[in-house]
Amino acid sequence: MLGIREGHATTTGKAALVVLAPVVVGIALSIFFTIVAFVLGAALGQ
C-alpha cells in the first residue's frame, strides 16, 4: 500500500481501497458461486 500511496501521490485510504477491493470482490464472488452450486445441486437432487 505504501508504494501505491507514494507512487501515485494519493491518500492511505485510497491506496488501501485499491489493494483490498479485489480481495473483497473475490471473496464475495466465491461465496456467491458456492451458494449457487449448493442450490443447483439441491434442485437437481444430487
N, C-alpha and C. Protein backbone atom coordinates (compact mmCIF):
# COMPACT_ATOMS: atom_id res chain seq x y z
N MET A 1 0.82 -1.19 0.00
CA MET A 1 0.00 0.00 0.00
C MET A 1 0.86 1.25 0.00
N LEU A 2 1.96 1.19 0.70
CA LEU A 2 2.81 2.38 0.76
C LEU A 2 3.36 2.75 -0.61
N GLY A 3 3.71 1.75 -1.40
CA GLY A 3 4.23 2.01 -2.73
C GLY A 3 3.17 2.65 -3.62
N ILE A 4 1.95 2.17 -3.52
CA ILE A 4 0.87 2.76 -4.31
C ILE A 4 0.61 4.18 -3.84
N ARG A 5 0.59 4.37 -2.53
CA ARG A 5 0.33 5.72 -1.99
C ARG A 5 1.39 6.71 -2.44
N GLU A 6 2.64 6.32 -2.32
CA GLU A 6 3.73 7.23 -2.67
C GLU A 6 3.84 7.40 -4.19
N GLY A 7 3.71 6.31 -4.91
CA GLY A 7 3.87 6.37 -6.36
C GLY A 7 2.81 7.18 -7.06
N HIS A 8 1.61 7.20 -6.50
CA HIS A 8 0.51 7.92 -7.12
C HIS A 8 0.14 9.19 -6.36
N ALA A 9 0.89 9.48 -5.32
CA ALA A 9 0.66 10.68 -4.51
C ALA A 9 -0.81 10.79 -4.09
N THR A 10 -1.28 9.74 -3.45
CA THR A 10 -2.67 9.70 -3.00
C THR A 10 -2.71 9.44 -1.50
N THR A 11 -3.91 9.35 -0.96
CA THR A 11 -4.05 9.12 0.47
C THR A 11 -3.92 7.63 0.80
N THR A 12 -3.68 7.35 2.06
CA THR A 12 -3.58 5.96 2.50
C THR A 12 -4.90 5.23 2.32
N GLY A 13 -6.01 5.91 2.56
CA GLY A 13 -7.33 5.29 2.41
C GLY A 13 -7.59 4.86 0.98
N LYS A 14 -7.27 5.70 0.02
CA LYS A 14 -7.47 5.35 -1.38
C LYS A 14 -6.54 4.22 -1.80
N ALA A 15 -5.32 4.22 -1.32
CA ALA A 15 -4.38 3.15 -1.63
C ALA A 15 -4.87 1.83 -1.04
N ALA A 16 -5.40 1.87 0.17
CA ALA A 16 -5.93 0.66 0.80
C ALA A 16 -7.13 0.13 0.02
N LEU A 17 -7.97 1.03 -0.45
CA LEU A 17 -9.14 0.63 -1.24
C LEU A 17 -8.71 -0.08 -2.51
N VAL A 18 -7.70 0.44 -3.16
CA VAL A 18 -7.20 -0.17 -4.41
C VAL A 18 -6.65 -1.56 -4.15
N VAL A 19 -6.00 -1.76 -3.02
CA VAL A 19 -5.40 -3.05 -2.71
C VAL A 19 -6.46 -4.04 -2.22
N LEU A 20 -7.39 -3.60 -1.40
CA LEU A 20 -8.34 -4.51 -0.76
C LEU A 20 -9.60 -4.77 -1.58
N ALA A 21 -9.97 -3.90 -2.49
CA ALA A 21 -11.20 -4.08 -3.27
C ALA A 21 -11.21 -5.39 -4.05
N PRO A 22 -10.15 -5.74 -4.78
CA PRO A 22 -10.18 -7.03 -5.50
C PRO A 22 -10.28 -8.24 -4.57
N VAL A 23 -9.71 -8.15 -3.40
CA VAL A 23 -9.80 -9.25 -2.43
C VAL A 23 -11.24 -9.41 -1.97
N VAL A 24 -11.89 -8.31 -1.65
CA VAL A 24 -13.28 -8.35 -1.18
C VAL A 24 -14.19 -8.86 -2.29
N VAL A 25 -13.98 -8.40 -3.51
CA VAL A 25 -14.80 -8.86 -4.64
C VAL A 25 -14.59 -10.35 -4.87
N GLY A 26 -13.37 -10.81 -4.79
CA GLY A 26 -13.08 -12.23 -4.97
C GLY A 26 -13.75 -13.10 -3.92
N ILE A 27 -13.70 -12.67 -2.68
CA ILE A 27 -14.35 -13.42 -1.61
C ILE A 27 -15.86 -13.43 -1.80
N ALA A 28 -16.43 -12.29 -2.16
CA ALA A 28 -17.88 -12.21 -2.38
C ALA A 28 -18.31 -13.12 -3.53
N LEU A 29 -17.55 -13.13 -4.61
CA LEU A 29 -17.88 -13.99 -5.74
C LEU A 29 -17.75 -15.47 -5.37
N SER A 30 -16.75 -15.80 -4.58
CA SER A 30 -16.59 -17.18 -4.14
C SER A 30 -17.78 -17.64 -3.32
N ILE A 31 -18.22 -16.80 -2.41
CA ILE A 31 -19.39 -17.13 -1.59
C ILE A 31 -20.63 -17.27 -2.46
N PHE A 32 -20.81 -16.34 -3.39
CA PHE A 32 -21.97 -16.36 -4.28
C PHE A 32 -22.02 -17.65 -5.10
N PHE A 33 -20.90 -18.01 -5.74
CA PHE A 33 -20.89 -19.20 -6.58
C PHE A 33 -21.00 -20.49 -5.76
N THR A 34 -20.53 -20.48 -4.53
CA THR A 34 -20.71 -21.63 -3.66
C THR A 34 -22.18 -21.83 -3.33
N ILE A 35 -22.87 -20.74 -3.03
CA ILE A 35 -24.30 -20.82 -2.73
C ILE A 35 -25.07 -21.28 -3.96
N VAL A 36 -24.72 -20.74 -5.13
CA VAL A 36 -25.39 -21.15 -6.37
C VAL A 36 -25.17 -22.64 -6.63
N ALA A 37 -23.97 -23.14 -6.39
CA ALA A 37 -23.68 -24.56 -6.60
C ALA A 37 -24.51 -25.44 -5.66
N PHE A 38 -24.65 -25.03 -4.40
CA PHE A 38 -25.46 -25.80 -3.46
C PHE A 38 -26.93 -25.78 -3.86
N VAL A 39 -27.43 -24.63 -4.29
CA VAL A 39 -28.84 -24.52 -4.69
C VAL A 39 -29.09 -25.37 -5.93
N LEU A 40 -28.21 -25.28 -6.91
CA LEU A 40 -28.40 -26.09 -8.12
C LEU A 40 -28.27 -27.57 -7.81
N GLY A 41 -27.35 -27.93 -6.96
CA GLY A 41 -27.20 -29.32 -6.57
C GLY A 41 -28.45 -29.86 -5.89
N ALA A 42 -29.02 -29.05 -5.02
CA ALA A 42 -30.24 -29.45 -4.33
C ALA A 42 -31.42 -29.53 -5.31
N ALA A 43 -31.49 -28.59 -6.25
CA ALA A 43 -32.58 -28.58 -7.21
C ALA A 43 -32.51 -29.78 -8.16
N LEU A 44 -31.31 -30.23 -8.46
CA LEU A 44 -31.15 -31.38 -9.35
C LEU A 44 -31.19 -32.70 -8.61
N GLY A 45 -31.32 -32.63 -7.29
CA GLY A 45 -31.45 -33.84 -6.48
C GLY A 45 -30.16 -34.60 -6.27
N GLN A 46 -29.06 -33.94 -6.29
CA GLN A 46 -27.78 -34.63 -6.13
C GLN A 46 -27.24 -34.43 -4.73
